[in-house]
C-alpha cells in the first residue's frame, strides 16, 4: 500500500452533488439477515432469471433456502409500506 498517495479534490459538480444530496434510510437488511418463520401461503409466481440467480447465490452463501430469502424481502417491503401509510 502506498502511504504517500495524495488525493485530488473532487470536481465541482461532484462536490456540489455530494453537498446537496439527501440521506435515505435503508429499510432492508443485508441478504444474510433475511430469515424468519411465519405462516406461509403457497403461490405460483414468475420472476426474472437474473433475480432468481441473485437470490440463489446470496442464499447459498448464507446457507438458507433462496425461496425463504425472497419471501423475507417481500415481507419486509410490504411491512415497511404498510406501516408508513
PDB file of N, CA and C in Angstrom:
ATOM      1  N   UNK A   1       0.848  -1.179   0.000  1.00  0.00           N
ATOM      2  CA  UNK A   1       0.000   0.000   0.000  1.00  0.00           C
ATOM      3  C   UNK A   1       0.888   1.235   0.000  1.00  0.00           C
ATOM      4  N   UNK A   2       0.589   2.198  -0.847  1.00  0.00           N
ATOM      5  CA  UNK A   2       1.357   3.433  -0.945  1.00  0.00           C
ATOM      6  C   UNK A   2       0.836   4.436   0.081  1.00  0.00           C
ATOM      7  N   UNK A   3       1.639   4.677   1.127  1.00  0.00           N
ATOM      8  CA  UNK A   3       1.212   5.597   2.188  1.00  0.00           C
ATOM      9  C   UNK A   3       1.342   7.054   1.780  1.00  0.00           C
ATOM     10  N   UNK A   4       2.064   7.341   0.712  1.00  0.00           N
ATOM     11  CA  UNK A   4       2.292   8.721   0.284  1.00  0.00           C
ATOM     12  C   UNK A   4       1.315   9.159  -0.800  1.00  0.00           C
ATOM     13  N   UNK A   5       0.260   8.421  -1.028  1.00  0.00           N
ATOM     14  CA  UNK A   5      -0.697   8.758  -2.074  1.00  0.00           C
ATOM     15  C   UNK A   5      -1.429  10.047  -1.707  1.00  0.00           C
ATOM     16  N   UNK A   6      -1.523  10.944  -2.673  1.00  0.00           N
ATOM     17  CA  UNK A   6      -2.219  12.208  -2.487  1.00  0.00           C
ATOM     18  C   UNK A   6      -3.471  12.190  -3.345  1.00  0.00           C
ATOM     19  N   UNK A   7      -4.577  12.572  -2.772  1.00  0.00           N
ATOM     20  CA  UNK A   7      -5.837  12.602  -3.499  1.00  0.00           C
ATOM     21  C   UNK A   7      -6.133  14.017  -3.967  1.00  0.00           C
ATOM     22  N   UNK A   8      -6.621  14.109  -5.199  1.00  0.00           N
ATOM     23  CA  UNK A   8      -7.010  15.408  -5.756  1.00  0.00           C
ATOM     24  C   UNK A   8      -8.434  15.720  -5.309  1.00  0.00           C
ATOM     25  N   UNK A   9      -8.776  16.992  -5.189  1.00  0.00           N
ATOM     26  CA  UNK A   9     -10.157  17.349  -4.840  1.00  0.00           C
ATOM     27  C   UNK A   9     -11.124  16.869  -5.924  1.00  0.00           C
ATOM     28  N   UNK A  10     -12.316  16.528  -5.515  1.00  0.00           N
ATOM     29  CA  UNK A  10     -13.346  16.106  -6.470  1.00  0.00           C
ATOM     30  C   UNK A  10     -13.721  17.271  -7.365  1.00  0.00           C
ATOM     31  N   UNK A  11     -14.109  16.976  -8.604  1.00  0.00           N
ATOM     32  CA  UNK A  11     -14.588  18.054  -9.473  1.00  0.00           C
ATOM     33  C   UNK A  11     -15.774  18.767  -8.825  1.00  0.00           C
ATOM     34  N   UNK A  12     -15.967  20.024  -9.158  1.00  0.00           N
ATOM     35  CA  UNK A  12     -17.005  20.840  -8.531  1.00  0.00           C
ATOM     36  C   UNK A  12     -18.385  20.211  -8.649  1.00  0.00           C
ATOM     37  N   UNK A  13     -18.733  19.657  -9.816  1.00  0.00           N
ATOM     38  CA  UNK A  13     -20.075  19.080  -9.967  1.00  0.00           C
ATOM     39  C   UNK A  13     -20.291  17.882  -9.045  1.00  0.00           C
ATOM     40  N   UNK A  14     -19.235  17.133  -8.766  1.00  0.00           N
ATOM     41  CA  UNK A  14     -19.362  16.006  -7.835  1.00  0.00           C
ATOM     42  C   UNK A  14     -19.460  16.524  -6.404  1.00  0.00           C
ATOM     43  N   UNK A  15     -18.611  17.467  -6.048  1.00  0.00           N
ATOM     44  CA  UNK A  15     -18.654  18.044  -4.699  1.00  0.00           C
ATOM     45  C   UNK A  15     -20.010  18.681  -4.432  1.00  0.00           C
ATOM     46  N   UNK A  16     -20.549  19.410  -5.420  1.00  0.00           N
ATOM     47  CA  UNK A  16     -21.865  20.037  -5.259  1.00  0.00           C
ATOM     48  C   UNK A  16     -22.961  18.983  -5.092  1.00  0.00           C
ATOM     49  N   UNK A  17     -22.867  17.913  -5.859  1.00  0.00           N
ATOM     50  CA  UNK A  17     -23.865  16.839  -5.755  1.00  0.00           C
ATOM     51  C   UNK A  17     -23.819  16.185  -4.378  1.00  0.00           C
ATOM     52  N   UNK A  18     -22.628  15.994  -3.839  1.00  0.00           N
ATOM     53  CA  UNK A  18     -22.495  15.401  -2.504  1.00  0.00           C
ATOM     54  C   UNK A  18     -23.092  16.334  -1.446  1.00  0.00           C
ATOM     55  N   UNK A  19     -22.800  17.610  -1.548  1.00  0.00           N
ATOM     56  CA  UNK A  19     -23.304  18.594  -0.576  1.00  0.00           C
ATOM     57  C   UNK A  19     -24.829  18.668  -0.611  1.00  0.00           C
ATOM     58  N   UNK A  20     -25.406  18.618  -1.806  1.00  0.00           N
ATOM     59  CA  UNK A  20     -26.865  18.756  -1.918  1.00  0.00           C
ATOM     60  C   UNK A  20     -27.607  17.420  -1.801  1.00  0.00           C
ATOM     61  N   UNK A  21     -26.886  16.321  -1.613  1.00  0.00           N
ATOM     62  CA  UNK A  21     -27.560  15.014  -1.538  1.00  0.00           C
ATOM     63  C   UNK A  21     -28.321  14.864  -0.226  1.00  0.00           C
ATOM     64  N   UNK A  22     -29.273  13.946  -0.244  1.00  0.00           N
ATOM     65  CA  UNK A  22     -30.100  13.689   0.931  1.00  0.00           C
ATOM     66  C   UNK A  22     -29.914  12.236   1.354  1.00  0.00           C
ATOM     67  N   UNK A  23     -29.702  12.004   2.631  1.00  0.00           N
ATOM     68  CA  UNK A  23     -29.540  10.659   3.162  1.00  0.00           C
ATOM     69  C   UNK A  23     -30.888   9.954   3.192  1.00  0.00           C
ATOM     70  N   UNK A  24     -30.943   8.748   2.650  1.00  0.00           N
ATOM     71  CA  UNK A  24     -32.164   7.949   2.640  1.00  0.00           C
ATOM     72  C   UNK A  24     -31.908   6.699   3.472  1.00  0.00           C
ATOM     73  N   UNK A  25     -32.770   6.455   4.449  1.00  0.00           N
ATOM     74  CA  UNK A  25     -32.614   5.279   5.295  1.00  0.00           C
ATOM     75  C   UNK A  25     -32.822   4.010   4.478  1.00  0.00           C
ATOM     76  N   UNK A  26     -31.969   3.031   4.698  1.00  0.00           N
ATOM     77  CA  UNK A  26     -32.107   1.728   4.053  1.00  0.00           C
ATOM     78  C   UNK A  26     -32.949   0.867   4.981  1.00  0.00           C
ATOM     79  N   UNK A  27     -34.162   0.502   4.531  1.00  0.00           N
ATOM     80  CA  UNK A  27     -35.062  -0.244   5.404  1.00  0.00           C
ATOM     81  C   UNK A  27     -34.899  -1.744   5.263  1.00  0.00           C
ATOM     82  N   UNK A  28     -34.053  -2.204   4.345  1.00  0.00           N
ATOM     83  CA  UNK A  28     -33.838  -3.641   4.169  1.00  0.00           C
ATOM     84  C   UNK A  28     -32.491  -4.046   4.749  1.00  0.00           C
ATOM     85  N   UNK A  29     -32.445  -5.164   5.447  1.00  0.00           N
ATOM     86  CA  UNK A  29     -31.165  -5.656   5.970  1.00  0.00           C
ATOM     87  C   UNK A  29     -30.390  -6.362   4.854  1.00  0.00           C
ATOM     88  N   UNK A  30     -29.143  -6.707   5.098  1.00  0.00           N
ATOM     89  CA  UNK A  30     -28.390  -7.450   4.098  1.00  0.00           C
ATOM     90  C   UNK A  30     -29.019  -8.826   3.863  1.00  0.00           C
ATOM     91  N   UNK A  31     -28.767  -9.441   2.710  1.00  0.00           N
ATOM     92  CA  UNK A  31     -29.396 -10.728   2.396  1.00  0.00           C
ATOM     93  C   UNK A  31     -29.215 -11.798   3.472  1.00  0.00           C
ATOM     94  N   UNK A  32     -28.086 -11.791   4.175  1.00  0.00           N
ATOM     95  CA  UNK A  32     -27.826 -12.805   5.204  1.00  0.00           C
ATOM     96  C   UNK A  32     -28.823 -12.741   6.363  1.00  0.00           C
ATOM     97  N   UNK A  33     -29.417 -11.580   6.581  1.00  0.00           N
ATOM     98  CA  UNK A  33     -30.332 -11.387   7.719  1.00  0.00           C
ATOM     99  C   UNK A  33     -31.805 -11.537   7.333  1.00  0.00           C
ATOM    100  N   UNK A  34     -32.089 -12.020   6.142  1.00  0.00           N
ATOM    101  CA  UNK A  34     -33.468 -12.090   5.657  1.00  0.00           C
ATOM    102  C   UNK A  34     -34.108 -13.443   5.947  1.00  0.00           C
ATOM    103  N   UNK A  35     -34.174 -13.817   7.230  1.00  0.00           N
ATOM    104  CA  UNK A  35     -34.742 -15.112   7.593  1.00  0.00           C
ATOM    105  C   UNK A  35     -35.641 -14.963   8.819  1.00  0.00           C
ATOM    106  N   UNK A  36     -36.884 -15.464   8.728  1.00  0.00           N
ATOM    107  CA  UNK A  36     -37.759 -15.529   9.897  1.00  0.00           C
ATOM    108  C   UNK A  36     -38.892 -16.508   9.597  1.00  0.00           C
ATOM    109  N   UNK A  37     -39.482 -17.068  10.636  1.00  0.00           N
ATOM    110  CA  UNK A  37     -40.570 -18.036  10.475  1.00  0.00           C
ATOM    111  C   UNK A  37     -41.915 -17.354  10.645  1.00  0.00           C
ATOM    112  N   UNK A  38     -42.850 -17.698   9.780  1.00  0.00           N
ATOM    113  CA  UNK A  38     -44.205 -17.160   9.821  1.00  0.00           C
ATOM    114  C   UNK A  38     -45.104 -18.094   9.024  1.00  0.00           C
ATOM    115  N   UNK A  39     -46.414 -18.041   9.254  1.00  0.00           N
ATOM    116  CA  UNK A  39     -47.346 -18.849   8.481  1.00  0.00           C
ATOM    117  C   UNK A  39     -47.241 -18.462   7.003  1.00  0.00           C
ATOM    118  N   UNK A  40     -47.170 -19.457   6.132  1.00  0.00           N
ATOM    119  CA  UNK A  40     -46.984 -19.211   4.704  1.00  0.00           C
ATOM    120  C   UNK A  40     -48.199 -19.628   3.893  1.00  0.00           C
ATOM    121  N   UNK A  41     -48.312 -19.026   2.719  1.00  0.00           N
ATOM    122  CA  UNK A  41     -49.320 -19.387   1.730  1.00  0.00           C
ATOM    123  C   UNK A  41     -48.555 -19.685   0.453  1.00  0.00           C
ATOM    124  N   UNK A  42     -48.778 -20.852  -0.130  1.00  0.00           N
ATOM    125  CA  UNK A  42     -48.078 -21.211  -1.367  1.00  0.00           C
ATOM    126  C   UNK A  42     -48.754 -20.558  -2.562  1.00  0.00           C
ATOM    127  N   UNK A  43     -47.918 -19.977  -3.457  1.00  0.00           N
ATOM    128  CA  UNK A  43     -48.401 -19.357  -4.688  1.00  0.00           C
ATOM    129  C   UNK A  43     -47.473 -19.770  -5.825  1.00  0.00           C
ATOM    130  N   UNK A  44     -47.885 -19.467  -7.027  1.00  0.00           N
ATOM    131  CA  UNK A  44     -47.017 -19.628  -8.191  1.00  0.00           C
ATOM    132  C   UNK A  44     -46.724 -18.235  -8.712  1.00  0.00           C
ATOM    133  N   UNK A  45     -45.454 -17.952  -8.972  1.00  0.00           N
ATOM    134  CA  UNK A  45     -45.051 -16.621  -9.421  1.00  0.00           C
ATOM    135  C   UNK A  45     -43.925 -16.775 -10.451  1.00  0.00           C
ATOM    136  N   UNK A  46     -43.922 -15.923 -11.434  1.00  0.00           N
ATOM    137  CA  UNK A  46     -42.833 -15.892 -12.414  1.00  0.00           C
ATOM    138  C   UNK A  46     -41.919 -14.717 -12.070  1.00  0.00           C
ATOM    139  N   UNK A  47     -40.642 -15.002 -11.936  1.00  0.00           N
ATOM    140  CA  UNK A  47     -39.646 -13.983 -11.620  1.00  0.00           C
ATOM    141  C   UNK A  47     -38.588 -13.961 -12.709  1.00  0.00           C
ATOM    142  N   UNK A  48     -37.875 -12.858 -12.819  1.00  0.00           N
ATOM    143  CA  UNK A  48     -36.810 -12.791 -13.818  1.00  0.00           C
ATOM    144  C   UNK A  48     -35.686 -13.751 -13.444  1.00  0.00           C
ATOM    145  N   UNK A  49     -35.061 -14.290 -14.459  1.00  0.00           N
ATOM    146  CA  UNK A  49     -33.964 -15.226 -14.257  1.00  0.00           C
ATOM    147  C   UNK A  49     -32.832 -14.576 -13.460  1.00  0.00           C
ATOM    148  N   UNK A  50     -32.557 -13.301 -13.748  1.00  0.00           N
ATOM    149  CA  UNK A  50     -31.470 -12.613 -13.044  1.00  0.00           C
ATOM    150  C   UNK A  50     -31.776 -12.433 -11.557  1.00  0.00           C
ATOM    151  N   UNK A  51     -33.031 -12.155 -11.216  1.00  0.00           N
ATOM    152  CA  UNK A  51     -33.400 -12.017  -9.796  1.00  0.00           C
ATOM    153  C   UNK A  51     -33.259 -13.341  -9.062  1.00  0.00           C
ATOM    154  N   UNK A  52     -33.735 -14.401  -9.674  1.00  0.00           N
ATOM    155  CA  UNK A  52     -33.644 -15.723  -9.033  1.00  0.00           C
ATOM    156  C   UNK A  52     -32.176 -16.114  -8.870  1.00  0.00           C
ATOM    157  N   UNK A  53     -31.361 -15.858  -9.873  1.00  0.00           N
ATOM    158  CA  UNK A  53     -29.926 -16.166  -9.775  1.00  0.00           C
ATOM    159  C   UNK A  53     -29.273 -15.392  -8.642  1.00  0.00           C
ATOM    160  N   UNK A  54     -29.632 -14.110  -8.517  1.00  0.00           N
ATOM    161  CA  UNK A  54     -29.095 -13.286  -7.435  1.00  0.00           C
ATOM    162  C   UNK A  54     -29.431 -13.901  -6.075  1.00  0.00           C
ATOM    163  N   UNK A  55     -30.715 -14.208  -5.863  1.00  0.00           N
ATOM    164  CA  UNK A  55     -31.135 -14.745  -4.571  1.00  0.00           C
ATOM    165  C   UNK A  55     -30.545 -16.131  -4.316  1.00  0.00           C
ATOM    166  N   UNK A  56     -30.433 -16.960  -5.338  1.00  0.00           N
ATOM    167  CA  UNK A  56     -29.826 -18.283  -5.153  1.00  0.00           C
ATOM    168  C   UNK A  56     -28.381 -18.151  -4.680  1.00  0.00           C
ATOM    169  N   UNK A  57     -27.633 -17.238  -5.294  1.00  0.00           N
ATOM    170  CA  UNK A  57     -26.236 -17.050  -4.911  1.00  0.00           C
ATOM    171  C   UNK A  57     -26.119 -16.513  -3.481  1.00  0.00           C
ATOM    172  N   UNK A  58     -26.893 -15.474  -3.158  1.00  0.00           N
ATOM    173  CA  UNK A  58     -26.838 -14.900  -1.809  1.00  0.00           C
ATOM    174  C   UNK A  58     -27.296 -15.921  -0.761  1.00  0.00           C
ATOM    175  N   UNK A  59     -28.344 -16.656  -1.071  1.00  0.00           N
ATOM    176  CA  UNK A  59     -28.864 -17.652  -0.132  1.00  0.00           C
ATOM    177  C   UNK A  59     -27.868 -18.788   0.061  1.00  0.00           C
ATOM    178  N   UNK A  60     -27.217 -19.208  -1.018  1.00  0.00           N
ATOM    179  CA  UNK A  60     -26.213 -20.272  -0.913  1.00  0.00           C
ATOM    180  C   UNK A  60     -25.092 -19.838   0.042  1.00  0.00           C
ATOM    181  N   UNK A  61     -24.628 -18.599  -0.112  1.00  0.00           N
ATOM    182  CA  UNK A  61     -23.565 -18.090   0.764  1.00  0.00           C
ATOM    183  C   UNK A  61     -24.024 -17.982   2.211  1.00  0.00           C
ATOM    184  N   UNK A  62     -25.314 -17.676   2.406  1.00  0.00           N
ATOM    185  CA  UNK A  62     -25.851 -17.541   3.767  1.00  0.00           C
ATOM    186  C   UNK A  62     -26.304 -18.888   4.344  1.00  0.00           C
ATOM    187  N   UNK A  63     -26.373 -19.923   3.491  1.00  0.00           N
ATOM    188  CA  UNK A  63     -26.764 -21.255   3.965  1.00  0.00           C
ATOM    189  C   UNK A  63     -28.253 -21.388   4.233  1.00  0.00           C
ATOM    190  N   UNK A  64     -29.079 -20.673   3.477  1.00  0.00           N
ATOM    191  CA  UNK A  64     -30.526 -20.752   3.658  1.00  0.00           C
ATOM    192  C   UNK A  64     -31.197 -20.968   2.300  1.00  0.00           C
ATOM    193  N   UNK A  65     -32.449 -21.416   2.283  1.00  0.00           N
ATOM    194  CA  UNK A  65     -33.156 -21.574   1.008  1.00  0.00           C
ATOM    195  C   UNK A  65     -33.418 -20.220   0.348  1.00  0.00           C
ATOM    196  N   UNK A  66     -33.245 -20.167  -0.957  1.00  0.00           N
ATOM    197  CA  UNK A  66     -33.443 -18.899  -1.651  1.00  0.00           C
ATOM    198  C   UNK A  66     -34.894 -18.443  -1.611  1.00  0.00           C
ATOM    199  N   UNK A  67     -35.842 -19.397  -1.585  1.00  0.00           N
ATOM    200  CA  UNK A  67     -37.251 -19.010  -1.509  1.00  0.00           C
ATOM    201  C   UNK A  67     -37.536 -18.269  -0.203  1.00  0.00           C
ATOM    202  N   UNK A  68     -36.902 -18.698   0.861  1.00  0.00           N
ATOM    203  CA  UNK A  68     -37.062 -18.045   2.159  1.00  0.00           C
ATOM    204  C   UNK A  68     -36.549 -16.616   2.103  1.00  0.00           C
ATOM    205  N   UNK A  69     -35.431 -16.433   1.439  1.00  0.00           N
ATOM    206  CA  UNK A  69     -34.860 -15.093   1.331  1.00  0.00           C
ATOM    207  C   UNK A  69     -35.778 -14.176   0.515  1.00  0.00           C
ATOM    208  N   UNK A  70     -36.301 -14.667  -0.600  1.00  0.00           N
ATOM    209  CA  UNK A  70     -37.216 -13.875  -1.417  1.00  0.00           C
ATOM    210  C   UNK A  70     -38.466 -13.522  -0.622  1.00  0.00           C
ATOM    211  N   UNK A  71     -39.012 -14.496   0.101  1.00  0.00           N
ATOM    212  CA  UNK A  71     -40.210 -14.275   0.924  1.00  0.00           C
ATOM    213  C   UNK A  71     -39.946 -13.179   1.958  1.00  0.00           C
ATOM    214  N   UNK A  72     -38.795 -13.216   2.574  1.00  0.00           N
ATOM    215  CA  UNK A  72     -38.486 -12.242   3.612  1.00  0.00           C
ATOM    216  C   UNK A  72     -38.338 -10.837   3.037  1.00  0.00           C
ATOM    217  N   UNK A  73     -37.744 -10.713   1.857  1.00  0.00           N
ATOM    218  CA  UNK A  73     -37.654  -9.399   1.205  1.00  0.00           C
ATOM    219  C   UNK A  73     -39.051  -8.840   0.963  1.00  0.00           C
ATOM    220  N   UNK A  74     -39.940  -9.675   0.424  1.00  0.00           N
ATOM    221  CA  UNK A  74     -41.315  -9.238   0.167  1.00  0.00           C
ATOM    222  C   UNK A  74     -42.039  -8.887   1.466  1.00  0.00           C
ATOM    223  N   UNK A  75     -41.853  -9.706   2.514  1.00  0.00           N
ATOM    224  CA  UNK A  75     -42.483  -9.426   3.809  1.00  0.00           C
ATOM    225  C   UNK A  75     -42.027  -8.091   4.379  1.00  0.00           C
ATOM    226  N   UNK A  76     -40.729  -7.843   4.337  1.00  0.00           N
ATOM    227  CA  UNK A  76     -40.199  -6.594   4.908  1.00  0.00           C
ATOM    228  C   UNK A  76     -40.624  -5.388   4.082  1.00  0.00           C
ATOM    229  N   UNK A  77     -40.637  -5.548   2.777  1.00  0.00           N
ATOM    230  CA  UNK A  77     -41.074  -4.459   1.897  1.00  0.00           C
ATOM    231  C   UNK A  77     -42.528  -4.103   2.195  1.00  0.00           C
ATOM    232  N   UNK A  78     -43.396  -5.106   2.227  1.00  0.00           N
ATOM    233  CA  UNK A  78     -44.816  -4.830   2.480  1.00  0.00           C
ATOM    234  C   UNK A  78     -45.033  -4.292   3.890  1.00  0.00           C
ATOM    235  N   UNK A  79     -44.297  -4.799   4.847  1.00  0.00           N
ATOM    236  CA  UNK A  79     -44.417  -4.307   6.223  1.00  0.00           C
ATOM    237  C   UNK A  79     -43.984  -2.840   6.317  1.00  0.00           C
ATOM    238  N   UNK A  80     -42.908  -2.506   5.659  1.00  0.00           N
ATOM    239  CA  UNK A  80     -42.417  -1.124   5.694  1.00  0.00           C
ATOM    240  C   UNK A  80     -43.472  -0.162   5.153  1.00  0.00           C
ATOM    241  N   UNK A  81     -44.046  -0.488   4.016  1.00  0.00           N
ATOM    242  CA  UNK A  81     -45.017   0.416   3.398  1.00  0.00           C
ATOM    243  C   UNK A  81     -46.391   0.326   4.031  1.00  0.00           C
ATOM    244  N   UNK A  82     -46.724  -0.794   4.636  1.00  0.00           N
ATOM    245  CA  UNK A  82     -47.993  -0.915   5.356  1.00  0.00           C
ATOM    246  C   UNK A  82     -47.971  -0.003   6.576  1.00  0.00           C
ATOM    247  N   UNK A  83     -46.826   0.121   7.226  1.00  0.00           N
ATOM    248  CA  UNK A  83     -46.697   0.917   8.451  1.00  0.00           C
ATOM    249  C   UNK A  83     -46.436   2.396   8.192  1.00  0.00           C
ATOM    250  N   UNK A  84     -46.193   2.784   6.931  1.00  0.00           N
ATOM    251  CA  UNK A  84     -45.899   4.190   6.657  1.00  0.00           C
ATOM    252  C   UNK A  84     -47.080   4.928   6.054  1.00  0.00           C
ATOM    253  N   UNK A  85     -48.159   4.255   5.816  1.00  0.00           N
ATOM    254  CA  UNK A  85     -49.325   4.910   5.188  1.00  0.00           C
ATOM    255  C   UNK A  85     -50.396   5.179   6.194  1.00  0.00           C
TER     256      UNK A  85
END
